[in-house]
Amino acid sequence: MGIILWIIFGALAGWLGSVIVGRDGQQGAVGNVVVGIIGAMVGGWLAGFFGYHGVTGFNLPSLLIAVVGAVTVLAVFNVFAGRHN
């Protein structure tokens, strides 16, 4: 995947994750991209840990894995930042 597609994929996954966790208003576009890309890495690692393929391209299963990773990253951030929903 090219860098532009990774940025778009990260933005989409990060935005969906932030909406689920309730941080959408605080992050902004760059924050969503960063959370989405890190979330894709974390989600891919978690998927591999459970025997599934990680992020394999721009498709729905990969997006779901990236969103789960983004939600995980944001939940851990909320715990360490002291913000509880």
Protein backbone atom coordinates (compact mmCIF):
# COMPACT_ATOMS: atom_id res chain seq x y z
CA MET A 1 0.00 0.00 0.00
CA GLY A 2 1.29 3.47 -0.82
CA ILE A 3 1.87 6.10 1.80
CA ILE A 4 -1.21 8.09 0.75
CA LEU A 5 -3.45 5.03 1.19
CA TRP A 6 -1.90 4.34 4.61
CA ILE A 7 -2.67 7.91 5.66
CA ILE A 8 -6.27 7.64 4.42
CA PHE A 9 -6.65 4.21 6.04
CA GLY A 10 -5.15 5.52 9.29
CA ALA A 11 -7.40 8.58 9.27
CA LEU A 12 -10.50 6.45 8.77
CA ALA A 13 -9.55 3.87 11.41
CA GLY A 14 -8.46 6.56 13.87
CA TRP A 15 -11.62 8.57 13.36
CA LEU A 16 -13.86 5.52 13.85
CA GLY A 17 -11.88 4.55 16.95
CA SER A 18 -12.12 8.05 18.41
CA VAL A 19 -15.88 8.15 17.79
CA ILE A 20 -16.30 4.81 19.57
CA VAL A 21 -14.19 5.90 22.56
CA GLY A 22 -15.62 9.41 22.65
CA ARG A 23 -12.45 11.41 21.90
CA ASP A 24 -13.45 12.65 18.47
CA GLY A 25 -13.68 16.29 19.51
CA GLN A 26 -10.24 16.38 21.15
CA GLN A 27 -7.95 14.76 18.58
CA GLY A 28 -8.22 16.50 15.26
CA ALA A 29 -7.27 15.12 11.85
CA VAL A 30 -3.56 14.55 12.54
CA GLY A 31 -4.37 12.81 15.81
CA ASN A 32 -6.81 10.51 14.02
CA VAL A 33 -4.16 9.58 11.44
CA VAL A 34 -1.55 8.86 14.10
CA VAL A 35 -3.97 6.86 16.26
CA GLY A 36 -5.19 4.97 13.20
CA ILE A 37 -1.72 3.99 12.02
CA ILE A 38 -0.59 2.99 15.51
CA GLY A 39 -3.93 1.23 15.96
CA ALA A 40 -3.39 -0.74 12.76
CA MET A 41 -0.03 -1.93 14.09
CA VAL A 42 -1.48 -2.83 17.50
CA GLY A 43 -4.54 -4.47 15.94
CA GLY A 44 -2.33 -6.46 13.56
CA TRP A 45 -0.22 -7.63 16.47
CA LEU A 46 -3.32 -8.61 18.47
CA ALA A 47 -4.82 -10.41 15.46
CA GLY A 48 -1.58 -12.35 14.96
CA PHE A 49 -1.54 -13.21 18.66
CA PHE A 50 -4.95 -14.85 18.23
CA GLY A 51 -3.97 -16.64 15.02
CA TYR A 52 -5.54 -14.28 12.45
CA HIS A 53 -3.90 -12.30 9.68
CA GLY A 54 -3.23 -8.68 10.54
CA VAL A 55 -3.80 -5.69 8.30
CA THR A 56 -3.43 -7.05 4.78
CA GLY A 57 -4.54 -4.11 2.65
CA PHE A 58 -7.33 -1.64 2.11
CA ASN A 59 -10.27 -3.94 2.87
CA LEU A 60 -13.03 -4.34 5.47
CA PRO A 61 -11.36 -7.02 7.66
CA SER A 62 -8.19 -4.92 7.84
CA LEU A 63 -10.22 -1.82 8.70
CA LEU A 64 -11.97 -3.68 11.51
CA ILE A 65 -8.62 -4.86 12.89
CA ALA A 66 -7.24 -1.31 12.69
CA VAL A 67 -10.32 0.12 14.43
CA VAL A 68 -10.05 -2.45 17.23
CA GLY A 69 -6.39 -1.48 17.56
CA ALA A 70 -7.24 2.23 17.59
CA VAL A 71 -9.88 1.69 20.28
CA THR A 72 -7.30 -0.27 22.30
CA VAL A 73 -4.70 2.49 21.94
CA LEU A 74 -7.22 5.17 22.94
CA ALA A 75 -8.49 3.14 25.91
CA VAL A 76 -4.93 2.67 27.19
CA PHE A 77 -4.26 6.38 26.63
CA ASN A 78 -7.41 7.26 28.61
CA VAL A 79 -6.27 5.08 31.50
CA PHE A 80 -2.84 6.71 31.65
CA ALA A 81 -4.19 10.21 31.04
CA GLY A 82 -6.69 9.80 33.85
CA ARG A 83 -9.75 10.35 31.67
CA HIS A 84 -12.57 7.92 32.26
CA ASN A 85 -15.80 7.76 30.24
